[in-house]
Amino acid sequence: MIVNPWDSCNILAKPDLAMLERQKRISKTEKKFLNVLETKLGVEILRQVVFPGFIMIDGCLDSEDFKICIEFDGPANHKDKKKVEKDNRRDGKLMERGYSIYRCQWFELVPFSEIDGEVERRAEEAVKPIQLMMRLQNLKNQNKTQ
């Protein structure tokens, strides 16, 4: 069953197209990675989602049962201390809203994108950790209602 996150959405708004023009666009490699995750997880992953304060997330799973952000970090992202601090602040704001964050590093994905089946294999490796995040959040929500 595919979950439509816009139905019971905790996300602020659908992406602003003008803003997306100015922001990083999702690459073919990232799109392929997210497509495999959608298929394997059986949920829709929203792309380039904008949160308050103009926090843009590469991929987002949002439902009543789980909230997970998927971020692709660029090659220079964690060499710059200011970028790391900015990411940590963003992550903190998202976690305050109940989201878990799954990060995929550029060097784990892009250099291998030309090898047949490699992006798909790496996306399949991400399925189990994301499923675990989904289960943990689901259990946490069940405990709240008891």
C-alpha atoms as a PDB file:
ATOM      1  CA  MET A   1       0.000   0.000   0.000  1.00  0.00           C
ATOM      2  CA  ILE A   2       1.360   3.402  -0.963  1.00  0.00           C
ATOM      3  CA  VAL A   3       0.912   6.060   1.705  1.00  0.00           C
ATOM      4  CA  ASN A   4      -0.051   9.485   0.356  1.00  0.00           C
ATOM      5  CA  PRO A   5       1.637  11.881   2.785  1.00  0.00           C
ATOM      6  CA  TRP A   6      -0.328  14.887   1.566  1.00  0.00           C
ATOM      7  CA  ASP A   7      -3.517  13.348   3.017  1.00  0.00           C
ATOM      8  CA  SER A   8      -2.452  13.527   6.667  1.00  0.00           C
ATOM      9  CA  CYS A   9       0.482  15.804   6.209  1.00  0.00           C
ATOM     10  CA  ASN A  10       2.590  17.331   8.934  1.00  0.00           C
ATOM     11  CA  ILE A  11       4.665  19.067   6.291  1.00  0.00           C
ATOM     12  CA  LEU A  12       4.036  22.752   5.819  1.00  0.00           C
ATOM     13  CA  ALA A  13       3.457  23.091   2.149  1.00  0.00           C
ATOM     14  CA  LYS A  14       4.116  21.498  -1.168  1.00  0.00           C
ATOM     15  CA  PRO A  15       7.410  22.772  -2.568  1.00  0.00           C
ATOM     16  CA  ASP A  16       7.450  26.309  -3.930  1.00  0.00           C
ATOM     17  CA  LEU A  17       8.497  25.900  -7.562  1.00  0.00           C
ATOM     18  CA  ALA A  18      10.256  29.280  -7.701  1.00  0.00           C
ATOM     19  CA  MET A  19      12.284  28.371  -4.635  1.00  0.00           C
ATOM     20  CA  LEU A  20      13.135  24.987  -6.113  1.00  0.00           C
ATOM     21  CA  GLU A  21      14.561  26.738  -9.158  1.00  0.00           C
ATOM     22  CA  ARG A  22      17.037  28.488  -6.886  1.00  0.00           C
ATOM     23  CA  GLN A  23      17.808  25.458  -4.743  1.00  0.00           C
ATOM     24  CA  LYS A  24      19.718  22.283  -5.471  1.00  0.00           C
ATOM     25  CA  ARG A  25      17.841  20.008  -7.789  1.00  0.00           C
ATOM     26  CA  ILE A  26      17.720  16.318  -7.173  1.00  0.00           C
ATOM     27  CA  SER A  27      20.223  14.452  -9.336  1.00  0.00           C
ATOM     28  CA  LYS A  28      19.449  11.414 -11.492  1.00  0.00           C
ATOM     29  CA  THR A  29      21.414   9.293  -9.032  1.00  0.00           C
ATOM     30  CA  GLU A  30      19.436  10.594  -6.046  1.00  0.00           C
ATOM     31  CA  LYS A  31      16.170  10.128  -7.948  1.00  0.00           C
ATOM     32  CA  LYS A  32      17.086   6.524  -8.791  1.00  0.00           C
ATOM     33  CA  PHE A  33      18.012   5.902  -5.131  1.00  0.00           C
ATOM     34  CA  LEU A  34      14.680   7.321  -3.892  1.00  0.00           C
ATOM     35  CA  ASN A  35      12.700   5.388  -6.534  1.00  0.00           C
ATOM     36  CA  VAL A  36      14.210   2.103  -5.311  1.00  0.00           C
ATOM     37  CA  LEU A  37      13.407   3.041  -1.699  1.00  0.00           C
ATOM     38  CA  GLU A  38       9.795   3.842  -2.628  1.00  0.00           C
ATOM     39  CA  THR A  39       9.381   0.485  -4.327  1.00  0.00           C
ATOM     40  CA  LYS A  40      11.021  -1.521  -1.543  1.00  0.00           C
ATOM     41  CA  LEU A  41       9.310   0.341   1.321  1.00  0.00           C
ATOM     42  CA  GLY A  42       5.904   0.617  -0.381  1.00  0.00           C
ATOM     43  CA  VAL A  43       5.525   4.292   0.539  1.00  0.00           C
ATOM     44  CA  GLU A  44       5.655   7.526  -1.402  1.00  0.00           C
ATOM     45  CA  ILE A  45       8.738   9.631  -0.797  1.00  0.00           C
ATOM     46  CA  LEU A  46       8.183  13.323  -1.392  1.00  0.00           C
ATOM     47  CA  ARG A  47      11.058  15.117  -3.088  1.00  0.00           C
ATOM     48  CA  GLN A  48      12.474  18.547  -2.267  1.00  0.00           C
ATOM     49  CA  VAL A  49      10.069  19.231   0.600  1.00  0.00           C
ATOM     50  CA  VAL A  50      10.120  22.684   2.188  1.00  0.00           C
ATOM     51  CA  PHE A  51       9.660  23.049   5.955  1.00  0.00           C
ATOM     52  CA  PRO A  52       9.190  26.322   7.907  1.00  0.00           C
ATOM     53  CA  GLY A  53      12.285  28.422   7.954  1.00  0.00           C
ATOM     54  CA  PHE A  54      12.980  27.244   4.388  1.00  0.00           C
ATOM     55  CA  ILE A  55      14.504  23.957   5.430  1.00  0.00           C
ATOM     56  CA  MET A  56      14.581  21.926   2.227  1.00  0.00           C
ATOM     57  CA  ILE A  57      14.756  18.151   2.487  1.00  0.00           C
ATOM     58  CA  ASP A  58      15.792  15.905  -0.418  1.00  0.00           C
ATOM     59  CA  GLY A  59      13.295  13.161   0.444  1.00  0.00           C
ATOM     60  CA  CYS A  60      10.592  12.848   3.074  1.00  0.00           C
ATOM     61  CA  LEU A  61       8.308  10.084   4.331  1.00  0.00           C
ATOM     62  CA  ASP A  62       5.515  11.597   6.380  1.00  0.00           C
ATOM     63  CA  SER A  63       2.507   9.796   7.840  1.00  0.00           C
ATOM     64  CA  GLU A  64       0.714   9.395  11.150  1.00  0.00           C
ATOM     65  CA  ASP A  65       2.949   6.391  11.920  1.00  0.00           C
ATOM     66  CA  PHE A  66       6.389   7.668  10.903  1.00  0.00           C
ATOM     67  CA  LYS A  67       8.304  10.765   9.867  1.00  0.00           C
ATOM     68  CA  ILE A  68      11.655  10.313   8.150  1.00  0.00           C
ATOM     69  CA  CYS A  69      13.802  12.769   6.226  1.00  0.00           C
ATOM     70  CA  ILE A  70      16.328  11.510   3.689  1.00  0.00           C
ATOM     71  CA  GLU A  71      19.265  13.785   2.984  1.00  0.00           C
ATOM     72  CA  PHE A  72      22.007  13.485   0.381  1.00  0.00           C
ATOM     73  CA  ASP A  73      25.173  15.223   1.548  1.00  0.00           C
ATOM     74  CA  GLY A  74      27.438  16.669  -1.140  1.00  0.00           C
ATOM     75  CA  PRO A  75      31.177  16.015  -1.461  1.00  0.00           C
ATOM     76  CA  ALA A  76      32.280  19.102   0.477  1.00  0.00           C
ATOM     77  CA  ASN A  77      29.419  19.090   2.963  1.00  0.00           C
ATOM     78  CA  HIS A  78      31.218  17.719   5.987  1.00  0.00           C
ATOM     79  CA  LYS A  79      34.661  19.173   5.365  1.00  0.00           C
ATOM     80  CA  ASP A  80      33.379  22.630   6.306  1.00  0.00           C
ATOM     81  CA  LYS A  81      32.720  23.072  10.041  1.00  0.00           C
ATOM     82  CA  LYS A  82      30.055  25.748   9.379  1.00  0.00           C
ATOM     83  CA  LYS A  83      28.118  23.396   7.077  1.00  0.00           C
ATOM     84  CA  VAL A  84      28.260  20.638   9.688  1.00  0.00           C
ATOM     85  CA  GLU A  85      26.937  23.038  12.341  1.00  0.00           C
ATOM     86  CA  LYS A  86      24.170  24.204   9.981  1.00  0.00           C
ATOM     87  CA  ASP A  87      23.172  20.581   9.257  1.00  0.00           C
ATOM     88  CA  ASN A  88      23.154  19.813  12.993  1.00  0.00           C
ATOM     89  CA  ARG A  89      20.850  22.785  13.673  1.00  0.00           C
ATOM     90  CA  ARG A  90      18.527  21.711  10.826  1.00  0.00           C
ATOM     91  CA  ASP A  91      18.493  18.136  12.105  1.00  0.00           C
ATOM     92  CA  GLY A  92      17.649  19.400  15.591  1.00  0.00           C
ATOM     93  CA  LYS A  93      14.706  21.432  14.280  1.00  0.00           C
ATOM     94  CA  LEU A  94      13.419  18.430  12.327  1.00  0.00           C
ATOM     95  CA  MET A  95      13.854  16.081  15.313  1.00  0.00           C
ATOM     96  CA  GLU A  96      11.869  18.544  17.469  1.00  0.00           C
ATOM     97  CA  ARG A  97       9.046  17.981  14.970  1.00  0.00           C
ATOM     98  CA  GLY A  98       9.354  14.201  15.396  1.00  0.00           C
ATOM     99  CA  TYR A  99      11.445  13.359  12.325  1.00  0.00           C
ATOM    100  CA  SER A 100      14.294  10.868  12.099  1.00  0.00           C
ATOM    101  CA  ILE A 101      17.045  11.697   9.608  1.00  0.00           C
ATOM    102  CA  TYR A 102      18.711   9.248   7.238  1.00  0.00           C
ATOM    103  CA  ARG A 103      21.832  10.684   5.583  1.00  0.00           C
ATOM    104  CA  CYS A 104      23.477   9.331   2.457  1.00  0.00           C
ATOM    105  CA  GLN A 105      26.966  10.635   1.781  1.00  0.00           C
ATOM    106  CA  TRP A 106      28.001  11.648  -1.735  1.00  0.00           C
ATOM    107  CA  PHE A 107      31.097   9.437  -1.619  1.00  0.00           C
ATOM    108  CA  GLU A 108      28.918   6.406  -0.793  1.00  0.00           C
ATOM    109  CA  LEU A 109      26.745   6.840  -3.856  1.00  0.00           C
ATOM    110  CA  VAL A 110      27.768   9.128  -6.720  1.00  0.00           C
ATOM    111  CA  PRO A 111      31.212   7.711  -7.601  1.00  0.00           C
ATOM    112  CA  PHE A 112      29.519   4.344  -8.170  1.00  0.00           C
ATOM    113  CA  SER A 113      26.540   5.637 -10.151  1.00  0.00           C
ATOM    114  CA  GLU A 114      27.992   4.559 -13.504  1.00  0.00           C
ATOM    115  CA  ILE A 115      28.344   0.929 -12.398  1.00  0.00           C
ATOM    116  CA  ASP A 116      25.285  -1.077 -13.475  1.00  0.00           C
ATOM    117  CA  GLY A 117      23.010  -1.819 -10.532  1.00  0.00           C
ATOM    118  CA  GLU A 118      25.226  -0.146  -7.930  1.00  0.00           C
ATOM    119  CA  VAL A 119      22.845   2.698  -6.997  1.00  0.00           C
ATOM    120  CA  GLU A 120      20.038   0.175  -6.677  1.00  0.00           C
ATOM    121  CA  ARG A 121      22.191  -2.067  -4.478  1.00  0.00           C
ATOM    122  CA  ARG A 122      23.135   0.830  -2.227  1.00  0.00           C
ATOM    123  CA  ALA A 123      19.479   1.914  -1.995  1.00  0.00           C
ATOM    124  CA  GLU A 124      18.503  -1.631  -1.018  1.00  0.00           C
ATOM    125  CA  GLU A 125      21.124  -1.453   1.759  1.00  0.00           C
ATOM    126  CA  ALA A 126      19.326   1.652   3.055  1.00  0.00           C
ATOM    127  CA  VAL A 127      15.966  -0.123   3.244  1.00  0.00           C
ATOM    128  CA  LYS A 128      16.639  -1.985   6.511  1.00  0.00           C
ATOM    129  CA  PRO A 129      17.810   1.042   8.530  1.00  0.00           C
ATOM    130  CA  ILE A 130      14.853   3.091   7.257  1.00  0.00           C
ATOM    131  CA  GLN A 131      12.425   0.233   8.031  1.00  0.00           C
ATOM    132  CA  LEU A 132      13.893   0.136  11.541  1.00  0.00           C
ATOM    133  CA  MET A 133      13.293   3.895  11.915  1.00  0.00           C
ATOM    134  CA  MET A 134       9.711   3.367  10.729  1.00  0.00           C
ATOM    135  CA  ARG A 135       9.112   0.516  13.213  1.00  0.00           C
ATOM    136  CA  LEU A 136      10.640   2.398  16.142  1.00  0.00           C
ATOM    137  CA  GLN A 137       8.530   5.474  15.460  1.00  0.00           C
ATOM    138  CA  ASN A 138       5.432   3.305  15.047  1.00  0.00           C
ATOM    139  CA  LEU A 139       6.105   1.605  18.412  1.00  0.00           C
ATOM    140  CA  LYS A 140       6.721   4.952  20.066  1.00  0.00           C
ATOM    141  CA  ASN A 141       3.382   6.230  18.738  1.00  0.00           C
ATOM    142  CA  GLN A 142       1.585   3.080  19.938  1.00  0.00           C
ATOM    143  CA  ASN A 143       3.040   3.527  23.433  1.00  0.00           C
ATOM    144  CA  LYS A 144       1.795   7.133  23.512  1.00  0.00           C
ATOM    145  CA  THR A 145      -1.784   5.985  22.886  1.00  0.00           C
ATOM    146  CA  GLN A 146      -1.757   3.302  25.592  1.00  0.00           C
END
